[in-house]
Amino acid sequence: MDDAQSAGNLYGYTIRRNAASGRWEVFWKDKKINQDFASQADAEEWIDDQMPLNR
């Protein structure tokens, strides 16, 4: 990873911090979703909301 720091995987999603912007990005199968997050916790919450069992 050139400009991103990986924070790990959650339910198959990958959460990375973009070093250039400081924002957190979520990837599914190496494709970035069209959204970024102010914190890692916000990204994890968004992922939790995508899971049918967590609704």
N, C-alpha and C. Protein backbone atom coordinates (compact mmCIF):
# COMPACT_ATOMS: atom_id res chain seq x y z
N MET A 1 0.84 -1.19 0.00
CA MET A 1 0.00 0.00 0.00
C MET A 1 0.88 1.25 0.00
N ASP A 2 0.67 2.10 -0.95
CA ASP A 2 1.52 3.26 -1.08
C ASP A 2 1.15 4.37 -0.10
N ASP A 3 -0.11 4.76 -0.11
CA ASP A 3 -0.52 5.92 0.67
C ASP A 3 -1.63 5.60 1.66
N ALA A 4 -1.80 4.34 2.00
CA ALA A 4 -2.88 3.96 2.91
C ALA A 4 -2.35 3.02 3.98
N GLN A 5 -2.97 3.10 5.13
CA GLN A 5 -2.63 2.24 6.25
C GLN A 5 -3.82 1.33 6.51
N SER A 6 -3.59 0.03 6.51
CA SER A 6 -4.68 -0.92 6.71
C SER A 6 -5.02 -1.01 8.18
N ALA A 7 -6.31 -1.02 8.48
CA ALA A 7 -6.76 -1.15 9.86
C ALA A 7 -7.37 -2.51 10.11
N GLY A 8 -7.49 -3.32 9.08
CA GLY A 8 -8.01 -4.66 9.28
C GLY A 8 -9.24 -4.96 8.46
N ASN A 9 -9.79 -6.13 8.73
CA ASN A 9 -10.96 -6.61 8.00
C ASN A 9 -12.12 -6.81 8.96
N LEU A 10 -13.32 -6.57 8.45
CA LEU A 10 -14.54 -6.75 9.23
C LEU A 10 -15.61 -7.26 8.28
N TYR A 11 -16.06 -8.49 8.49
CA TYR A 11 -17.09 -9.11 7.64
C TYR A 11 -16.67 -9.15 6.17
N GLY A 12 -15.39 -9.25 5.89
CA GLY A 12 -14.92 -9.28 4.52
C GLY A 12 -14.60 -7.91 3.94
N TYR A 13 -14.99 -6.84 4.62
CA TYR A 13 -14.64 -5.48 4.20
C TYR A 13 -13.25 -5.16 4.73
N THR A 14 -12.52 -4.35 4.00
CA THR A 14 -11.21 -3.87 4.45
C THR A 14 -11.33 -2.39 4.77
N ILE A 15 -10.80 -1.99 5.91
CA ILE A 15 -10.81 -0.59 6.33
C ILE A 15 -9.38 -0.08 6.25
N ARG A 16 -9.20 1.03 5.55
CA ARG A 16 -7.87 1.62 5.41
C ARG A 16 -7.94 3.12 5.68
N ARG A 17 -6.86 3.62 6.25
CA ARG A 17 -6.74 5.07 6.45
C ARG A 17 -5.93 5.63 5.29
N ASN A 18 -6.48 6.61 4.62
CA ASN A 18 -5.79 7.27 3.53
C ASN A 18 -4.82 8.27 4.14
N ALA A 19 -3.53 8.05 3.93
CA ALA A 19 -2.51 8.91 4.53
C ALA A 19 -2.56 10.33 3.99
N ALA A 20 -2.97 10.50 2.75
CA ALA A 20 -3.02 11.83 2.14
C ALA A 20 -4.16 12.68 2.72
N SER A 21 -5.32 12.05 2.92
CA SER A 21 -6.48 12.83 3.38
C SER A 21 -6.73 12.67 4.88
N GLY A 22 -6.21 11.58 5.46
CA GLY A 22 -6.47 11.32 6.87
C GLY A 22 -7.83 10.69 7.13
N ARG A 23 -8.58 10.45 6.07
CA ARG A 23 -9.92 9.87 6.19
C ARG A 23 -9.83 8.35 6.09
N TRP A 24 -10.86 7.68 6.58
CA TRP A 24 -10.93 6.22 6.55
C TRP A 24 -11.78 5.78 5.37
N GLU A 25 -11.30 4.77 4.65
CA GLU A 25 -11.98 4.27 3.47
C GLU A 25 -12.33 2.80 3.67
N VAL A 26 -13.42 2.38 3.06
CA VAL A 26 -13.88 1.00 3.15
C VAL A 26 -13.83 0.38 1.76
N PHE A 27 -13.28 -0.83 1.69
CA PHE A 27 -13.16 -1.55 0.43
C PHE A 27 -13.87 -2.88 0.54
N TRP A 28 -14.52 -3.27 -0.55
CA TRP A 28 -15.13 -4.59 -0.67
C TRP A 28 -14.47 -5.25 -1.87
N LYS A 29 -13.79 -6.37 -1.63
CA LYS A 29 -13.08 -7.09 -2.69
C LYS A 29 -12.18 -6.14 -3.47
N ASP A 30 -11.42 -5.32 -2.74
CA ASP A 30 -10.45 -4.37 -3.28
C ASP A 30 -11.06 -3.24 -4.10
N LYS A 31 -12.38 -3.05 -4.02
CA LYS A 31 -13.03 -1.92 -4.68
C LYS A 31 -13.51 -0.96 -3.60
N LYS A 32 -13.10 0.31 -3.71
CA LYS A 32 -13.48 1.31 -2.72
C LYS A 32 -14.96 1.65 -2.87
N ILE A 33 -15.64 1.71 -1.74
CA ILE A 33 -17.03 2.17 -1.78
C ILE A 33 -17.02 3.69 -1.95
N ASN A 34 -18.11 4.26 -2.37
CA ASN A 34 -18.18 5.69 -2.65
C ASN A 34 -18.44 6.52 -1.40
N GLN A 35 -17.62 6.33 -0.41
CA GLN A 35 -17.82 7.06 0.84
C GLN A 35 -16.53 6.97 1.63
N ASP A 36 -16.24 7.99 2.43
CA ASP A 36 -15.14 7.89 3.37
C ASP A 36 -15.63 8.36 4.73
N PHE A 37 -14.84 8.10 5.75
CA PHE A 37 -15.30 8.31 7.12
C PHE A 37 -14.26 9.08 7.92
N ALA A 38 -14.73 9.85 8.89
CA ALA A 38 -13.85 10.65 9.73
C ALA A 38 -13.05 9.80 10.71
N SER A 39 -13.61 8.65 11.09
CA SER A 39 -12.91 7.80 12.06
C SER A 39 -13.07 6.33 11.68
N GLN A 40 -12.20 5.52 12.24
CA GLN A 40 -12.30 4.08 12.01
C GLN A 40 -13.60 3.55 12.59
N ALA A 41 -14.02 4.08 13.72
CA ALA A 41 -15.27 3.64 14.35
C ALA A 41 -16.48 3.93 13.45
N ASP A 42 -16.47 5.07 12.77
CA ASP A 42 -17.55 5.39 11.83
C ASP A 42 -17.60 4.39 10.68
N ALA A 43 -16.43 4.01 10.18
CA ALA A 43 -16.35 3.03 9.10
C ALA A 43 -16.87 1.68 9.58
N GLU A 44 -16.48 1.27 10.79
CA GLU A 44 -16.94 0.00 11.34
C GLU A 44 -18.45 0.00 11.56
N GLU A 45 -18.99 1.12 12.00
CA GLU A 45 -20.44 1.25 12.20
C GLU A 45 -21.18 1.12 10.88
N TRP A 46 -20.65 1.75 9.82
CA TRP A 46 -21.26 1.65 8.51
C TRP A 46 -21.28 0.19 8.05
N ILE A 47 -20.18 -0.52 8.25
CA ILE A 47 -20.10 -1.93 7.87
C ILE A 47 -21.13 -2.74 8.66
N ASP A 48 -21.22 -2.50 9.96
CA ASP A 48 -22.20 -3.20 10.79
C ASP A 48 -23.61 -2.98 10.25
N ASP A 49 -23.90 -1.78 9.80
CA ASP A 49 -25.24 -1.47 9.27
C ASP A 49 -25.53 -2.22 7.97
N GLN A 50 -24.50 -2.66 7.26
CA GLN A 50 -24.69 -3.40 6.02
C GLN A 50 -25.06 -4.86 6.25
N MET A 51 -24.79 -5.36 7.43
CA MET A 51 -25.03 -6.76 7.74
C MET A 51 -26.49 -6.98 8.15
N PRO A 52 -27.23 -7.84 7.47
CA PRO A 52 -28.66 -8.06 7.76
C PRO A 52 -28.92 -8.50 9.21
N LEU A 53 -28.02 -9.24 9.80
CA LEU A 53 -28.23 -9.70 11.17
C LEU A 53 -28.10 -8.58 12.20
N ASN A 54 -27.48 -7.47 11.82
CA ASN A 54 -27.27 -6.36 12.75
C ASN A 54 -28.33 -5.29 12.66
N ARG A 55 -29.31 -5.49 11.79
CA ARG A 55 -30.35 -4.46 11.62
C ARG A 55 -31.47 -4.65 12.59
